[in-house]
Amino acid sequence: MEISVIQIGNSKGIRFSKTIMERYNIKDKVFLILEKGQIIIKPLSKPRKGWESAFKEMSENGDDRLLFNDVFEDENWEAWD
């Protein structure tokens, strides 16, 4: 795909269509890779975005309990001495 380089103040830039932005899930930032004469632009994803609020809500609802004990009755702690 050929696109034009445009003037943006004292800099230059490229402009992506809305379709490309949506198709590749590009939001506010991208990851730029300079490699072997190529420029690779990748969407910047934050897979853990929102986890803090989700964990807080879980705690408030009492949903953050262990599903099974972290220490089992038959564990041999003497082996670790």
C-alpha atoms as a PDB file:
ATOM      1  CA  MET A   1       0.000   0.000   0.000  1.00  0.00           C
ATOM      2  CA  GLU A   2       1.384   3.401  -0.903  1.00  0.00           C
ATOM      3  CA  ILE A   3       0.652   6.366   1.363  1.00  0.00           C
ATOM      4  CA  SER A   4       1.955   9.923   1.399  1.00  0.00           C
ATOM      5  CA  VAL A   5       4.282  11.443   3.968  1.00  0.00           C
ATOM      6  CA  ILE A   6       2.683  14.670   5.214  1.00  0.00           C
ATOM      7  CA  GLN A   7       3.969  17.791   6.964  1.00  0.00           C
ATOM      8  CA  ILE A   8       3.011  18.006  10.662  1.00  0.00           C
ATOM      9  CA  GLY A   9       4.439  21.222  12.095  1.00  0.00           C
ATOM     10  CA  ASN A  10       8.237  20.950  11.840  1.00  0.00           C
ATOM     11  CA  SER A  11       8.002  17.163  11.489  1.00  0.00           C
ATOM     12  CA  LYS A  12       6.694  14.715   8.930  1.00  0.00           C
ATOM     13  CA  GLY A  13       4.250  11.903   9.478  1.00  0.00           C
ATOM     14  CA  ILE A  14       1.991   9.355   7.901  1.00  0.00           C
ATOM     15  CA  ARG A  15      -1.768   9.214   8.252  1.00  0.00           C
ATOM     16  CA  PHE A  16      -3.739   5.974   8.553  1.00  0.00           C
ATOM     17  CA  SER A  17      -7.345   5.636   7.477  1.00  0.00           C
ATOM     18  CA  LYS A  18     -10.035   4.868  10.031  1.00  0.00           C
ATOM     19  CA  THR A  19     -10.410   1.422   8.449  1.00  0.00           C
ATOM     20  CA  ILE A  20      -6.753   0.555   9.062  1.00  0.00           C
ATOM     21  CA  MET A  21      -6.895   1.919  12.608  1.00  0.00           C
ATOM     22  CA  GLU A  22      -9.903  -0.245  13.427  1.00  0.00           C
ATOM     23  CA  ARG A  23      -8.717  -3.357  11.587  1.00  0.00           C
ATOM     24  CA  TYR A  24      -5.362  -3.430  13.398  1.00  0.00           C
ATOM     25  CA  ASN A  25      -6.738  -2.153  16.706  1.00  0.00           C
ATOM     26  CA  ILE A  26      -4.499   0.919  16.766  1.00  0.00           C
ATOM     27  CA  LYS A  27      -5.485   3.328  19.544  1.00  0.00           C
ATOM     28  CA  ASP A  28      -3.235   6.145  20.790  1.00  0.00           C
ATOM     29  CA  LYS A  29       0.226   4.579  20.538  1.00  0.00           C
ATOM     30  CA  VAL A  30       2.134   2.144  18.321  1.00  0.00           C
ATOM     31  CA  PHE A  31       5.369   0.206  18.706  1.00  0.00           C
ATOM     32  CA  LEU A  32       7.974   1.135  16.083  1.00  0.00           C
ATOM     33  CA  ILE A  33      10.586  -1.441  15.020  1.00  0.00           C
ATOM     34  CA  LEU A  34      13.524  -0.408  12.831  1.00  0.00           C
ATOM     35  CA  GLU A  35      14.893  -3.560  11.259  1.00  0.00           C
ATOM     36  CA  LYS A  36      17.035  -4.294   8.184  1.00  0.00           C
ATOM     37  CA  GLY A  37      15.948  -1.284   6.153  1.00  0.00           C
ATOM     38  CA  GLN A  38      12.308  -1.621   7.182  1.00  0.00           C
ATOM     39  CA  ILE A  39      10.036   0.259   9.533  1.00  0.00           C
ATOM     40  CA  ILE A  40       7.509  -2.003  11.221  1.00  0.00           C
ATOM     41  CA  ILE A  41       4.566  -0.428  13.009  1.00  0.00           C
ATOM     42  CA  LYS A  42       2.730  -2.645  15.488  1.00  0.00           C
ATOM     43  CA  PRO A  43      -0.284  -1.821  17.645  1.00  0.00           C
ATOM     44  CA  LEU A  44       0.716  -1.240  21.245  1.00  0.00           C
ATOM     45  CA  SER A  45      -1.375  -3.559  23.369  1.00  0.00           C
ATOM     46  CA  LYS A  46      -1.731  -3.548  27.110  1.00  0.00           C
ATOM     47  CA  PRO A  47      -3.139  -6.981  27.913  1.00  0.00           C
ATOM     48  CA  ARG A  48      -3.392  -6.245  31.639  1.00  0.00           C
ATOM     49  CA  LYS A  49      -5.133  -2.892  31.225  1.00  0.00           C
ATOM     50  CA  GLY A  50      -8.067  -2.688  33.623  1.00  0.00           C
ATOM     51  CA  TRP A  51      -6.849  -5.496  35.875  1.00  0.00           C
ATOM     52  CA  GLU A  52      -6.390  -3.194  38.872  1.00  0.00           C
ATOM     53  CA  SER A  53     -10.016  -2.054  38.863  1.00  0.00           C
ATOM     54  CA  ALA A  54     -11.224  -5.606  38.162  1.00  0.00           C
ATOM     55  CA  PHE A  55      -9.252  -6.953  41.150  1.00  0.00           C
ATOM     56  CA  LYS A  56     -10.576  -4.163  43.355  1.00  0.00           C
ATOM     57  CA  GLU A  57     -14.142  -4.998  42.331  1.00  0.00           C
ATOM     58  CA  MET A  58     -13.491  -8.703  42.987  1.00  0.00           C
ATOM     59  CA  SER A  59     -12.226  -7.861  46.476  1.00  0.00           C
ATOM     60  CA  GLU A  60     -15.237  -5.683  47.227  1.00  0.00           C
ATOM     61  CA  ASN A  61     -17.569  -8.495  46.097  1.00  0.00           C
ATOM     62  CA  GLY A  62     -15.666 -11.168  48.033  1.00  0.00           C
ATOM     63  CA  ASP A  63     -14.752 -12.961  44.813  1.00  0.00           C
ATOM     64  CA  ASP A  64     -11.001 -12.967  45.463  1.00  0.00           C
ATOM     65  CA  ARG A  65     -10.898 -16.034  47.698  1.00  0.00           C
ATOM     66  CA  LEU A  66      -8.657 -19.002  46.966  1.00  0.00           C
ATOM     67  CA  LEU A  67     -10.280 -21.787  44.982  1.00  0.00           C
ATOM     68  CA  PHE A  68      -8.165 -24.350  46.819  1.00  0.00           C
ATOM     69  CA  ASN A  69      -5.849 -24.210  49.815  1.00  0.00           C
ATOM     70  CA  ASP A  70      -2.342 -23.037  49.102  1.00  0.00           C
ATOM     71  CA  VAL A  71      -1.008 -25.490  51.704  1.00  0.00           C
ATOM     72  CA  PHE A  72      -2.134 -29.095  51.651  1.00  0.00           C
ATOM     73  CA  GLU A  73      -2.562 -31.197  54.777  1.00  0.00           C
ATOM     74  CA  ASP A  74      -0.208 -33.912  53.530  1.00  0.00           C
ATOM     75  CA  GLU A  75       2.699 -31.578  52.653  1.00  0.00           C
ATOM     76  CA  ASN A  76       6.041 -32.524  54.161  1.00  0.00           C
ATOM     77  CA  TRP A  77       7.625 -29.320  55.419  1.00  0.00           C
ATOM     78  CA  GLU A  78      10.596 -31.179  56.935  1.00  0.00           C
ATOM     79  CA  ALA A  79      11.992 -31.736  53.442  1.00  0.00           C
ATOM     80  CA  TRP A  80      12.533 -27.970  53.189  1.00  0.00           C
ATOM     81  CA  ASP A  81      14.537 -27.627  56.408  1.00  0.00           C
END
